[in-house]
């Protein structure tokens, strides 16, 4: 018997332009930068934490 292939939905990658906002003549970052990796590496915002996808640094949000 042949096994059925399971369908996997892939999310579209986020565009880097969505991490910045223009205010006047200056470019402003909308997300936090990772304190370990430095500027240019943004932290993902989850419901209960913020985490870096590069080094794994995590900060938990307090309730």
Protein backbone atom coordinates (compact mmCIF):
# COMPACT_ATOMS: atom_id res chain seq x y z
CA UNK A 1 0.00 0.00 0.00
CA UNK A 2 1.21 3.49 -0.80
CA UNK A 3 1.45 5.98 2.03
CA UNK A 4 -0.33 9.29 1.60
CA UNK A 5 1.74 12.44 1.72
CA UNK A 6 0.78 14.84 4.46
CA UNK A 7 0.17 18.40 3.26
CA UNK A 8 2.16 21.05 5.08
CA UNK A 9 1.17 24.71 4.89
CA UNK A 10 4.09 27.09 4.66
CA UNK A 11 3.87 30.60 6.05
CA UNK A 12 5.07 33.45 3.90
CA UNK A 13 8.31 34.92 5.25
CA UNK A 14 7.99 38.38 6.76
CA UNK A 15 9.43 41.21 4.75
CA UNK A 16 12.25 43.24 6.30
CA UNK A 17 10.45 46.43 5.33
CA UNK A 18 7.73 45.60 7.87
CA UNK A 19 10.26 45.97 10.72
CA UNK A 20 10.81 49.68 10.01
CA UNK A 21 8.62 52.78 9.99
CA UNK A 22 9.30 56.23 8.51
CA UNK A 23 8.77 59.18 10.84
CA UNK A 24 9.67 62.49 9.24
CA UNK A 25 13.14 62.09 7.76
CA UNK A 26 14.16 59.27 10.10
CA UNK A 27 13.79 55.51 9.92
CA UNK A 28 12.46 53.98 13.13
CA UNK A 29 12.59 50.30 14.14
CA UNK A 30 9.23 48.83 15.16
CA UNK A 31 10.62 45.75 16.95
CA UNK A 32 13.26 45.28 19.63
CA UNK A 33 16.78 44.29 18.67
CA UNK A 34 18.44 41.31 20.32
CA UNK A 35 20.82 42.45 23.10
CA UNK A 36 23.24 39.60 22.34
CA UNK A 37 23.28 39.77 18.52
CA UNK A 38 23.08 43.55 18.23
CA UNK A 39 21.18 45.88 15.90
CA UNK A 40 19.74 44.35 12.76
CA UNK A 41 18.62 41.12 14.45
CA UNK A 42 15.05 41.56 15.63
CA UNK A 43 13.26 39.63 18.34
CA UNK A 44 9.98 37.85 17.59
CA UNK A 45 7.02 38.89 19.72
CA UNK A 46 4.92 36.05 21.11
CA UNK A 47 1.99 36.19 23.49
CA UNK A 48 4.06 35.43 26.60
CA UNK A 49 7.65 36.16 25.51
CA UNK A 50 10.02 37.82 23.04
CA UNK A 51 12.72 35.64 21.50
CA UNK A 52 15.62 35.88 19.07
CA UNK A 53 15.53 33.44 16.18
CA UNK A 54 19.28 33.59 15.66
CA UNK A 55 20.76 32.90 19.12
CA UNK A 56 17.68 31.76 21.08
CA UNK A 57 17.77 34.57 23.67
CA UNK A 58 14.34 34.80 25.35
CA UNK A 59 12.70 37.33 27.63
CA UNK A 60 9.42 36.37 29.29
CA UNK A 61 6.66 38.93 29.75
CA UNK A 62 5.38 39.50 33.27
CA UNK A 63 1.67 39.26 33.95
